[in-house]
Amino acid sequence: MPSGSSDGPIGVPELDTVADAVAAIDIPAIVAKIKYAELECTAAQGLGGPPKCAAGQAPGTKVQVLPFSTCEQEYLRSSNVAAVLEQQLKAPTLHSAFDLKDHGTAELPIGTRGIVFELETGALMVGVDDDGKIVSLSRGCGLSAEELYEHTHGDEVHHEPEHD
C-alpha cells in the first residue's frame, strides 16, 4: 500500500521514485531500485524456461536475475542490466501506473504494481513490489502502451492514461 501522498507524477512515493528515474533515464538510480529474483539456473537450451547457467555454473546453481520479457521470457543478470536499460530506454514518457491484476509467481515475479512508459518504439512496463523495488521489466511483445495497460491493470489505477 502507498506510504503517503507525493507531489510526483503518480502521487505514490514508491512509484514516483521509479517513474522519475526512468523518465530521466537515470540508469544508476534505476539499478539501485532493482530487487533481483534468486532462481536456479539450467543448462537446457532453447527459449523460455529458467535462467540459463553461465559458463562454469552447474545446473541448479542459484543466480540473481531480473525477469525481462520481450516476446519470450528472459532474465537479466546484474552485469548486463545497465546496458539493456540504456538500449531499451529511448524517450520514455509516463503513460500509466496501476495495481497489477496478476502478480506472477516466485519463479517469475511481476510485481504488485505496474508503471507503463511509452518509448520511441513500443512500450515498457516496470513491475514494482510493495516496497517500491523494481522486480520485472516487460516490453509486451510489440504492444503499445495503451494495450499493455489494458492487458495488465487491476482495479486500482494511480495514474490514468491520457486519452484524446
Protein backbone atom coordinates (compact mmCIF):
# COMPACT_ATOMS: atom_id res chain seq x y z
CA MET A 1 0.00 0.00 0.00
CA PRO A 2 1.14 3.56 -0.58
CA SER A 3 3.02 5.12 2.30
CA GLY A 4 1.52 8.55 1.77
CA SER A 5 0.86 11.14 -0.84
CA SER A 6 3.54 12.57 -3.06
CA ASP A 7 3.88 15.56 -5.33
CA GLY A 8 5.40 13.34 -8.03
CA PRO A 9 3.80 12.41 -11.34
CA ILE A 10 1.88 9.46 -9.86
CA GLY A 11 1.21 10.60 -6.30
CA VAL A 12 2.57 7.44 -4.66
CA PRO A 13 6.12 7.92 -3.32
CA GLU A 14 7.29 4.35 -4.05
CA LEU A 15 6.14 4.66 -7.66
CA ASP A 16 7.22 8.27 -8.16
CA THR A 17 10.84 7.42 -7.33
CA VAL A 18 10.89 4.72 -10.02
CA ALA A 19 8.94 6.79 -12.55
CA ASP A 20 11.24 9.80 -12.09
CA ALA A 21 14.38 7.66 -12.53
CA VAL A 22 13.04 6.00 -15.70
CA ALA A 23 11.78 9.28 -17.21
CA ALA A 24 15.21 10.86 -16.59
CA ILE A 25 16.96 7.71 -17.90
CA ASP A 26 18.98 7.75 -14.66
CA ILE A 27 20.49 4.27 -15.04
CA PRO A 28 22.31 4.22 -11.65
CA ALA A 29 19.09 5.24 -9.85
CA ILE A 30 17.09 2.59 -11.72
CA VAL A 31 19.66 -0.11 -10.98
CA ALA A 32 19.65 0.88 -7.29
CA LYS A 33 15.88 0.20 -7.18
CA ILE A 34 16.13 -3.35 -8.58
CA LYS A 35 15.35 -6.35 -6.40
CA TYR A 36 16.75 -9.42 -8.13
CA ALA A 37 14.96 -12.77 -8.02
CA GLU A 38 17.05 -15.72 -6.89
CA LEU A 39 16.35 -18.64 -9.22
CA GLU A 40 18.08 -21.89 -10.11
CA CYS A 41 19.83 -21.83 -13.47
CA THR A 42 19.54 -24.52 -16.11
CA ALA A 43 21.76 -25.93 -18.84
CA ALA A 44 18.72 -26.62 -21.03
CA GLN A 45 18.92 -24.89 -24.39
CA GLY A 46 16.11 -23.03 -26.11
CA LEU A 47 13.85 -20.10 -25.42
CA GLY A 48 11.94 -19.59 -22.20
CA GLY A 49 12.36 -21.63 -19.06
CA PRO A 50 14.54 -20.78 -16.08
CA PRO A 51 17.64 -18.60 -16.46
CA LYS A 52 20.49 -20.25 -18.34
CA CYS A 53 23.64 -21.14 -16.41
CA ALA A 54 26.74 -19.14 -17.25
CA ALA A 55 29.91 -20.92 -18.33
CA GLY A 56 31.25 -22.92 -15.40
CA GLN A 57 27.98 -22.84 -13.41
CA ALA A 58 26.38 -26.15 -12.52
CA PRO A 59 22.67 -26.58 -13.28
CA GLY A 60 20.67 -25.80 -10.15
CA THR A 61 23.03 -23.03 -9.03
CA LYS A 62 21.03 -20.13 -7.62
CA VAL A 63 21.53 -16.96 -9.66
CA GLN A 64 20.25 -13.43 -9.14
CA VAL A 65 18.26 -12.19 -12.13
CA LEU A 66 15.70 -9.59 -13.18
CA PRO A 67 12.84 -11.06 -15.25
CA PHE A 68 12.64 -9.24 -18.60
CA SER A 69 10.12 -10.16 -21.24
CA THR A 70 10.00 -9.15 -24.85
CA CYS A 71 8.13 -11.86 -26.73
CA GLU A 72 9.96 -14.56 -24.78
CA GLN A 73 10.88 -14.58 -21.11
CA GLU A 74 14.49 -13.60 -20.49
CA TYR A 75 16.48 -12.97 -17.34
CA LEU A 76 18.94 -10.13 -16.92
CA ARG A 77 21.92 -10.53 -14.62
CA SER A 78 23.27 -7.54 -12.74
CA SER A 79 26.28 -7.49 -15.07
CA ASN A 80 24.12 -6.59 -18.10
CA VAL A 81 21.14 -4.71 -16.65
CA ALA A 82 22.62 -1.23 -17.23
CA ALA A 83 23.47 -1.98 -20.86
CA VAL A 84 19.99 -3.35 -21.55
CA LEU A 85 18.35 -0.33 -19.89
CA GLU A 86 20.48 2.05 -21.97
CA GLN A 87 19.45 0.18 -25.11
CA GLN A 88 15.74 -0.01 -24.25
CA LEU A 89 15.02 3.39 -22.70
CA LYS A 90 14.52 5.67 -25.69
CA ALA A 91 12.46 8.79 -24.91
CA PRO A 92 10.37 7.29 -22.05
CA THR A 93 7.12 9.11 -21.29
CA LEU A 94 4.89 8.10 -18.39
CA HIS A 95 1.68 6.52 -19.67
CA SER A 96 0.02 4.96 -16.61
CA ALA A 97 0.55 3.44 -13.17
CA PHE A 98 -1.69 0.88 -11.52
CA ASP A 99 -2.04 -2.19 -9.35
CA LEU A 100 -1.42 -5.31 -11.40
CA LYS A 101 -4.15 -7.90 -11.75
CA ASP A 102 -1.52 -10.69 -11.88
CA HIS A 103 1.47 -10.62 -9.51
CA GLY A 104 3.33 -13.54 -11.06
CA THR A 105 4.94 -16.36 -9.07
CA ALA A 106 8.08 -16.92 -7.00
CA GLU A 107 9.73 -18.25 -10.17
CA LEU A 108 8.50 -15.35 -12.28
CA PRO A 109 7.74 -12.30 -10.13
CA ILE A 110 5.94 -9.49 -11.92
CA GLY A 111 5.28 -7.14 -9.00
CA THR A 112 2.16 -5.77 -7.37
CA ARG A 113 2.12 -2.53 -9.35
CA GLY A 114 2.99 -1.60 -12.89
CA ILE A 115 4.26 1.62 -14.41
CA VAL A 116 3.90 1.83 -18.18
CA PHE A 117 6.03 4.12 -20.32
CA GLU A 118 5.68 4.97 -23.99
CA LEU A 119 9.04 4.62 -25.70
CA GLU A 120 10.36 5.79 -29.05
CA THR A 121 9.48 2.30 -30.29
CA GLY A 122 6.79 0.48 -28.32
CA ALA A 123 6.28 0.47 -24.59
CA LEU A 124 7.83 -0.74 -21.36
CA MET A 125 6.12 -1.87 -18.17
CA VAL A 126 8.17 -1.71 -14.99
CA GLY A 127 6.89 -4.15 -12.35
CA VAL A 128 7.28 -2.81 -8.82
CA ASP A 129 6.75 -4.59 -5.47
CA ASP A 130 5.11 -3.14 -2.35
CA ASP A 131 8.48 -1.77 -1.18
CA GLY A 132 8.97 0.25 -4.37
CA LYS A 133 11.60 -2.14 -5.76
CA ILE A 134 11.72 -3.00 -9.46
CA VAL A 135 11.13 -6.75 -9.83
CA SER A 136 10.41 -7.12 -13.57
CA LEU A 137 10.51 -5.41 -16.94
CA SER A 138 8.26 -6.15 -19.91
CA ARG A 139 8.25 -4.83 -23.47
CA GLY A 140 4.88 -6.52 -24.12
CA CYS A 141 5.84 -8.24 -27.39
CA GLY A 142 5.05 -5.27 -29.59
CA LEU A 143 2.07 -3.96 -27.62
CA SER A 144 1.50 -0.23 -27.46
CA ALA A 145 1.49 1.48 -24.07
CA GLU A 146 -2.31 1.54 -24.13
CA GLU A 147 -2.52 -2.17 -24.99
CA LEU A 148 -0.01 -3.05 -22.28
CA TYR A 149 -2.09 -1.04 -19.81
CA GLU A 150 -5.34 -2.72 -20.91
CA HIS A 151 -3.82 -6.22 -20.58
CA THR A 152 -2.28 -5.76 -17.14
CA HIS A 153 -4.07 -3.20 -14.95
CA GLY A 154 -6.13 -4.20 -11.94
CA ASP A 155 -8.81 -2.24 -10.11
CA GLU A 156 -6.62 0.46 -8.56
CA VAL A 157 -5.23 2.96 -11.07
CA HIS A 158 -2.75 5.52 -9.69
CA HIS A 159 -2.07 7.44 -12.91
CA GLU A 160 -4.65 7.32 -15.70
CA PRO A 161 -3.53 7.23 -19.30
CA GLU A 162 -4.48 10.33 -21.24
CA HIS A 163 -6.99 9.69 -24.00
CA ASP A 164 -7.53 12.03 -26.91
